[in-house]
Amino acid sequence: MESTSNYENRIGFSRAVRVRDIIAVSGTAPLLPNGKTASPGDAYAQTLRCFEIMADAVKDVGGDIADTVRTRIYLRQREDWTDAARAHAEFFMDVKPACTFVVVKGFIQDEWLVETELDCIVSEHQALL
Protein backbone atom coordinates (compact mmCIF):
# COMPACT_ATOMS: atom_id res chain seq x y z
CA MET A 1 0.00 0.00 0.00
CA GLU A 2 1.20 3.47 -0.80
CA SER A 3 0.86 5.24 2.52
CA THR A 4 -0.39 8.79 2.85
CA SER A 5 1.63 9.22 6.02
CA ASN A 6 5.29 10.14 6.15
CA TYR A 7 5.17 9.23 9.85
CA GLU A 8 5.30 5.47 9.20
CA ASN A 9 8.94 5.43 8.18
CA ARG A 10 9.90 8.25 10.54
CA ILE A 11 8.65 6.44 13.64
CA GLY A 12 8.75 2.86 12.47
CA PHE A 13 5.15 1.66 12.43
CA SER A 14 2.76 0.07 9.96
CA ARG A 15 -0.63 1.43 8.96
CA ALA A 16 -2.05 -2.08 9.23
CA VAL A 17 -0.73 -5.35 10.61
CA ARG A 18 -2.32 -8.73 10.03
CA VAL A 19 -1.57 -11.77 12.19
CA ARG A 20 -3.59 -14.76 10.98
CA ASP A 21 -7.21 -13.58 11.06
CA ILE A 22 -6.67 -10.39 13.10
CA ILE A 23 -5.99 -7.00 11.54
CA ALA A 24 -5.05 -3.95 13.61
CA VAL A 25 -5.02 -0.54 11.95
CA SER A 26 -2.93 2.18 13.58
CA GLY A 27 -4.10 5.63 14.51
CA THR A 28 -5.03 7.21 11.20
CA ALA A 29 -5.06 10.93 10.55
CA PRO A 30 -7.04 12.70 7.80
CA LEU A 31 -4.22 12.98 5.28
CA LEU A 32 -4.36 13.44 1.53
CA PRO A 33 -2.01 11.55 -0.82
CA ASN A 34 0.27 14.62 -0.89
CA GLY A 35 0.61 14.47 2.91
CA LYS A 36 -1.49 17.56 3.59
CA THR A 37 -4.48 17.56 5.93
CA ALA A 38 -7.80 16.86 4.26
CA SER A 39 -10.72 19.25 4.79
CA PRO A 40 -9.31 21.59 7.47
CA GLY A 41 -12.01 22.57 9.96
CA ASP A 42 -14.47 19.85 8.87
CA ALA A 43 -14.66 16.97 11.36
CA TYR A 44 -17.18 15.05 9.26
CA ALA A 45 -15.01 15.08 6.11
CA GLN A 46 -11.85 14.37 8.09
CA THR A 47 -13.47 11.35 9.72
CA LEU A 48 -14.59 9.99 6.35
CA ARG A 49 -11.04 10.49 5.02
CA CYS A 50 -9.63 8.49 7.94
CA PHE A 51 -12.09 5.67 7.22
CA GLU A 52 -11.15 5.65 3.52
CA ILE A 53 -7.45 5.32 4.40
CA MET A 54 -8.19 2.54 6.88
CA ALA A 55 -10.43 0.66 4.43
CA ASP A 56 -7.60 0.68 1.88
CA ALA A 57 -5.13 -0.53 4.53
CA VAL A 58 -7.43 -3.39 5.55
CA LYS A 59 -7.84 -4.39 1.90
CA ASP A 60 -4.07 -4.26 1.36
CA VAL A 61 -3.52 -6.92 4.04
CA GLY A 62 -6.26 -9.19 2.73
CA GLY A 63 -9.26 -8.08 4.76
CA ASP A 64 -12.49 -6.27 4.10
CA ILE A 65 -13.97 -3.33 5.97
CA ALA A 66 -16.96 -5.60 6.70
CA ASP A 67 -14.57 -7.56 8.98
CA THR A 68 -14.34 -4.59 11.38
CA VAL A 69 -15.20 -5.46 14.98
CA ARG A 70 -14.04 -2.30 16.80
CA THR A 71 -13.46 1.34 15.95
CA ARG A 72 -11.95 4.12 18.04
CA ILE A 73 -12.47 7.77 17.25
CA TYR A 74 -10.28 10.35 18.94
CA LEU A 75 -11.54 13.93 18.81
CA ARG A 76 -9.79 17.15 19.69
CA GLN A 77 -13.10 18.89 20.42
CA ARG A 78 -16.10 17.29 22.10
CA GLU A 79 -18.42 19.37 19.92
CA ASP A 80 -17.28 17.44 16.84
CA TRP A 81 -18.64 14.11 18.06
CA THR A 82 -21.94 14.39 16.17
CA ASP A 83 -20.15 15.06 12.86
CA ALA A 84 -17.76 12.15 13.46
CA ALA A 85 -20.67 9.94 14.53
CA ARG A 86 -22.57 10.79 11.33
CA ALA A 87 -19.53 9.80 9.25
CA HIS A 88 -19.20 6.58 11.27
CA ALA A 89 -22.87 5.74 10.75
CA GLU A 90 -22.59 6.26 7.00
CA PHE A 91 -19.39 4.23 6.65
CA PHE A 92 -20.18 1.39 9.08
CA MET A 93 -23.99 1.20 9.06
CA ASP A 94 -24.02 -2.36 7.72
CA VAL A 95 -21.13 -3.49 9.93
CA LYS A 96 -22.04 -1.86 13.26
CA PRO A 97 -18.72 -2.50 15.07
CA ALA A 98 -18.16 -1.75 18.73
CA CYS A 99 -17.20 1.93 18.80
CA THR A 100 -15.55 4.27 21.29
CA PHE A 101 -15.29 8.06 21.13
CA VAL A 102 -12.54 9.73 23.16
CA VAL A 103 -11.74 13.43 23.52
CA VAL A 104 -8.01 14.10 23.60
CA LYS A 105 -5.91 17.16 24.32
CA GLY A 106 -4.45 17.35 20.83
CA PHE A 107 -2.76 15.66 17.88
CA ILE A 108 0.63 15.90 16.19
CA GLN A 109 -0.80 18.41 13.70
CA ASP A 110 -3.10 21.20 14.87
CA GLU A 111 -5.27 20.91 11.72
CA TRP A 112 -6.33 17.37 12.61
CA LEU A 113 -9.70 17.32 14.33
CA VAL A 114 -9.91 13.53 14.43
CA GLU A 115 -7.79 10.41 14.39
CA THR A 116 -9.18 6.88 14.13
CA GLU A 117 -8.23 3.24 14.70
CA LEU A 118 -9.90 -0.06 13.95
CA ASP A 119 -9.57 -3.77 14.50
CA CYS A 120 -10.83 -6.55 12.24
CA ILE A 121 -11.30 -10.26 12.48
CA VAL A 122 -11.16 -11.62 8.97
CA SER A 123 -14.15 -13.71 8.02
CA GLU A 124 -13.73 -17.47 7.92
CA HIS A 125 -13.84 -17.48 4.11
CA GLN A 126 -11.11 -14.86 3.75
CA ALA A 127 -8.95 -16.41 6.48
CA LEU A 128 -8.55 -19.45 4.25
CA LEU A 129 -7.01 -17.41 1.42
C-alpha atoms as a PDB file:
ATOM      1  CA  MET A   1       0.000   0.000   0.000  1.00  0.00           C
ATOM      2  CA  GLU A   2       1.199   3.472  -0.798  1.00  0.00           C
ATOM      3  CA  SER A   3       0.862   5.243   2.519  1.00  0.00           C
ATOM      4  CA  THR A   4      -0.386   8.786   2.852  1.00  0.00           C
ATOM      5  CA  SER A   5       1.626   9.223   6.022  1.00  0.00           C
ATOM      6  CA  ASN A   6       5.286  10.138   6.154  1.00  0.00           C
ATOM      7  CA  TYR A   7       5.171   9.229   9.849  1.00  0.00           C
ATOM      8  CA  GLU A   8       5.298   5.471   9.196  1.00  0.00           C
ATOM      9  CA  ASN A   9       8.939   5.427   8.182  1.00  0.00           C
ATOM     10  CA  ARG A  10       9.899   8.246  10.535  1.00  0.00           C
ATOM     11  CA  ILE A  11       8.652   6.444  13.645  1.00  0.00           C
ATOM     12  CA  GLY A  12       8.747   2.859  12.466  1.00  0.00           C
ATOM     13  CA  PHE A  13       5.148   1.665  12.429  1.00  0.00           C
ATOM     14  CA  SER A  14       2.758   0.068   9.963  1.00  0.00           C
ATOM     15  CA  ARG A  15      -0.627   1.433   8.962  1.00  0.00           C
ATOM     16  CA  ALA A  16      -2.048  -2.080   9.233  1.00  0.00           C
ATOM     17  CA  VAL A  17      -0.733  -5.350  10.610  1.00  0.00           C
ATOM     18  CA  ARG A  18      -2.317  -8.732  10.033  1.00  0.00           C
ATOM     19  CA  VAL A  19      -1.566 -11.772  12.187  1.00  0.00           C
ATOM     20  CA  ARG A  20      -3.588 -14.765  10.982  1.00  0.00           C
ATOM     21  CA  ASP A  21      -7.210 -13.581  11.061  1.00  0.00           C
ATOM     22  CA  ILE A  22      -6.674 -10.387  13.099  1.00  0.00           C
ATOM     23  CA  ILE A  23      -5.992  -6.995  11.535  1.00  0.00           C
ATOM     24  CA  ALA A  24      -5.050  -3.953  13.608  1.00  0.00           C
ATOM     25  CA  VAL A  25      -5.017  -0.539  11.954  1.00  0.00           C
ATOM     26  CA  SER A  26      -2.930   2.180  13.578  1.00  0.00           C
ATOM     27  CA  GLY A  27      -4.096   5.629  14.514  1.00  0.00           C
ATOM     28  CA  THR A  28      -5.028   7.207  11.197  1.00  0.00           C
ATOM     29  CA  ALA A  29      -5.063  10.930  10.551  1.00  0.00           C
ATOM     30  CA  PRO A  30      -7.036  12.695   7.802  1.00  0.00           C
ATOM     31  CA  LEU A  31      -4.220  12.975   5.276  1.00  0.00           C
ATOM     32  CA  LEU A  32      -4.358  13.443   1.531  1.00  0.00           C
ATOM     33  CA  PRO A  33      -2.010  11.554  -0.820  1.00  0.00           C
ATOM     34  CA  ASN A  34       0.270  14.621  -0.891  1.00  0.00           C
ATOM     35  CA  GLY A  35       0.607  14.468   2.913  1.00  0.00           C
ATOM     36  CA  LYS A  36      -1.492  17.564   3.592  1.00  0.00           C
ATOM     37  CA  THR A  37      -4.475  17.565   5.926  1.00  0.00           C
ATOM     38  CA  ALA A  38      -7.804  16.864   4.256  1.00  0.00           C
ATOM     39  CA  SER A  39     -10.720  19.251   4.792  1.00  0.00           C
ATOM     40  CA  PRO A  40      -9.314  21.591   7.473  1.00  0.00           C
ATOM     41  CA  GLY A  41     -12.011  22.570   9.961  1.00  0.00           C
ATOM     42  CA  ASP A  42     -14.469  19.853   8.866  1.00  0.00           C
ATOM     43  CA  ALA A  43     -14.661  16.969  11.359  1.00  0.00           C
ATOM     44  CA  TYR A  44     -17.178  15.046   9.262  1.00  0.00           C
ATOM     45  CA  ALA A  45     -15.011  15.077   6.114  1.00  0.00           C
ATOM     46  CA  GLN A  46     -11.846  14.366   8.090  1.00  0.00           C
ATOM     47  CA  THR A  47     -13.475  11.354   9.723  1.00  0.00           C
ATOM     48  CA  LEU A  48     -14.586   9.986   6.348  1.00  0.00           C
ATOM     49  CA  ARG A  49     -11.042  10.490   5.020  1.00  0.00           C
ATOM     50  CA  CYS A  50      -9.628   8.492   7.940  1.00  0.00           C
ATOM     51  CA  PHE A  51     -12.093   5.675   7.221  1.00  0.00           C
ATOM     52  CA  GLU A  52     -11.153   5.653   3.523  1.00  0.00           C
ATOM     53  CA  ILE A  53      -7.452   5.321   4.402  1.00  0.00           C
ATOM     54  CA  MET A  54      -8.190   2.543   6.882  1.00  0.00           C
ATOM     55  CA  ALA A  55     -10.428   0.658   4.430  1.00  0.00           C
ATOM     56  CA  ASP A  56      -7.598   0.683   1.877  1.00  0.00           C
ATOM     57  CA  ALA A  57      -5.132  -0.527   4.529  1.00  0.00           C
ATOM     58  CA  VAL A  58      -7.425  -3.392   5.547  1.00  0.00           C
ATOM     59  CA  LYS A  59      -7.837  -4.393   1.905  1.00  0.00           C
ATOM     60  CA  ASP A  60      -4.073  -4.256   1.357  1.00  0.00           C
ATOM     61  CA  VAL A  61      -3.519  -6.915   4.045  1.00  0.00           C
ATOM     62  CA  GLY A  62      -6.261  -9.186   2.728  1.00  0.00           C
ATOM     63  CA  GLY A  63      -9.260  -8.077   4.760  1.00  0.00           C
ATOM     64  CA  ASP A  64     -12.489  -6.273   4.099  1.00  0.00           C
ATOM     65  CA  ILE A  65     -13.967  -3.325   5.966  1.00  0.00           C
ATOM     66  CA  ALA A  66     -16.956  -5.600   6.703  1.00  0.00           C
ATOM     67  CA  ASP A  67     -14.569  -7.563   8.980  1.00  0.00           C
ATOM     68  CA  THR A  68     -14.343  -4.594  11.377  1.00  0.00           C
ATOM     69  CA  VAL A  69     -15.197  -5.460  14.978  1.00  0.00           C
ATOM     70  CA  ARG A  70     -14.044  -2.296  16.797  1.00  0.00           C
ATOM     71  CA  THR A  71     -13.457   1.341  15.947  1.00  0.00           C
ATOM     72  CA  ARG A  72     -11.953   4.116  18.035  1.00  0.00           C
ATOM     73  CA  ILE A  73     -12.472   7.768  17.249  1.00  0.00           C
ATOM     74  CA  TYR A  74     -10.281  10.352  18.938  1.00  0.00           C
ATOM     75  CA  LEU A  75     -11.542  13.928  18.814  1.00  0.00           C
ATOM     76  CA  ARG A  76      -9.789  17.149  19.694  1.00  0.00           C
ATOM     77  CA  GLN A  77     -13.102  18.890  20.416  1.00  0.00           C
ATOM     78  CA  ARG A  78     -16.098  17.286  22.096  1.00  0.00           C
ATOM     79  CA  GLU A  79     -18.419  19.370  19.922  1.00  0.00           C
ATOM     80  CA  ASP A  80     -17.282  17.437  16.841  1.00  0.00           C
ATOM     81  CA  TRP A  81     -18.639  14.111  18.058  1.00  0.00           C
ATOM     82  CA  THR A  82     -21.942  14.392  16.171  1.00  0.00           C
ATOM     83  CA  ASP A  83     -20.154  15.060  12.858  1.00  0.00           C
ATOM     84  CA  ALA A  84     -17.760  12.155  13.460  1.00  0.00           C
ATOM     85  CA  ALA A  85     -20.669   9.939  14.528  1.00  0.00           C
ATOM     86  CA  ARG A  86     -22.572  10.794  11.333  1.00  0.00           C
ATOM     87  CA  ALA A  87     -19.533   9.796   9.252  1.00  0.00           C
ATOM     88  CA  HIS A  88     -19.196   6.579  11.269  1.00  0.00           C
ATOM     89  CA  ALA A  89     -22.865   5.742  10.751  1.00  0.00           C
ATOM     90  CA  GLU A  90     -22.589   6.260   7.001  1.00  0.00           C
ATOM     91  CA  PHE A  91     -19.388   4.230   6.652  1.00  0.00           C
ATOM     92  CA  PHE A  92     -20.178   1.391   9.075  1.00  0.00           C
ATOM     93  CA  MET A  93     -23.993   1.196   9.055  1.00  0.00           C
ATOM     94  CA  ASP A  94     -24.020  -2.364   7.718  1.00  0.00           C
ATOM     95  CA  VAL A  95     -21.128  -3.491   9.932  1.00  0.00           C
ATOM     96  CA  LYS A  96     -22.038  -1.863  13.265  1.00  0.00           C
ATOM     97  CA  PRO A  97     -18.720  -2.502  15.065  1.00  0.00           C
ATOM     98  CA  ALA A  98     -18.157  -1.749  18.730  1.00  0.00           C
ATOM     99  CA  CYS A  99     -17.201   1.933  18.797  1.00  0.00           C
ATOM    100  CA  THR A 100     -15.555   4.267  21.291  1.00  0.00           C
ATOM    101  CA  PHE A 101     -15.286   8.057  21.127  1.00  0.00           C
ATOM    102  CA  VAL A 102     -12.539   9.732  23.160  1.00  0.00           C
ATOM    103  CA  VAL A 103     -11.744  13.426  23.521  1.00  0.00           C
ATOM    104  CA  VAL A 104      -8.011  14.099  23.598  1.00  0.00           C
ATOM    105  CA  LYS A 105      -5.912  17.158  24.317  1.00  0.00           C
ATOM    106  CA  GLY A 106      -4.454  17.347  20.832  1.00  0.00           C
ATOM    107  CA  PHE A 107      -2.765  15.661  17.876  1.00  0.00           C
ATOM    108  CA  ILE A 108       0.629  15.899  16.191  1.00  0.00           C
ATOM    109  CA  GLN A 109      -0.803  18.411  13.700  1.00  0.00           C
ATOM    110  CA  ASP A 110      -3.104  21.196  14.873  1.00  0.00           C
ATOM    111  CA  GLU A 111      -5.267  20.908  11.721  1.00  0.00           C
ATOM    112  CA  TRP A 112      -6.327  17.373  12.609  1.00  0.00           C
ATOM    113  CA  LEU A 113      -9.704  17.321  14.334  1.00  0.00           C
ATOM    114  CA  VAL A 114      -9.914  13.530  14.428  1.00  0.00           C
ATOM    115  CA  GLU A 115      -7.793  10.409  14.390  1.00  0.00           C
ATOM    116  CA  THR A 116      -9.177   6.882  14.125  1.00  0.00           C
ATOM    117  CA  GLU A 117      -8.227   3.235  14.705  1.00  0.00           C
ATOM    118  CA  LEU A 118      -9.897  -0.055  13.952  1.00  0.00           C
ATOM    119  CA  ASP A 119      -9.565  -3.767  14.498  1.00  0.00           C
ATOM    120  CA  CYS A 120     -10.829  -6.548  12.241  1.00  0.00           C
ATOM    121  CA  ILE A 121     -11.295 -10.259  12.481  1.00  0.00           C
ATOM    122  CA  VAL A 122     -11.158 -11.616   8.966  1.00  0.00           C
ATOM    123  CA  SER A 123     -14.150 -13.710   8.020  1.00  0.00           C
ATOM    124  CA  GLU A 124     -13.732 -17.474   7.921  1.00  0.00           C
ATOM    125  CA  HIS A 125     -13.844 -17.483   4.107  1.00  0.00           C
ATOM    126  CA  GLN A 126     -11.114 -14.863   3.750  1.00  0.00           C
ATOM    127  CA  ALA A 127      -8.952 -16.413   6.482  1.00  0.00           C
ATOM    128  CA  LEU A 128      -8.552 -19.455   4.250  1.00  0.00           C
ATOM    129  CA  LEU A 129      -7.006 -17.411   1.421  1.00  0.00           C
END
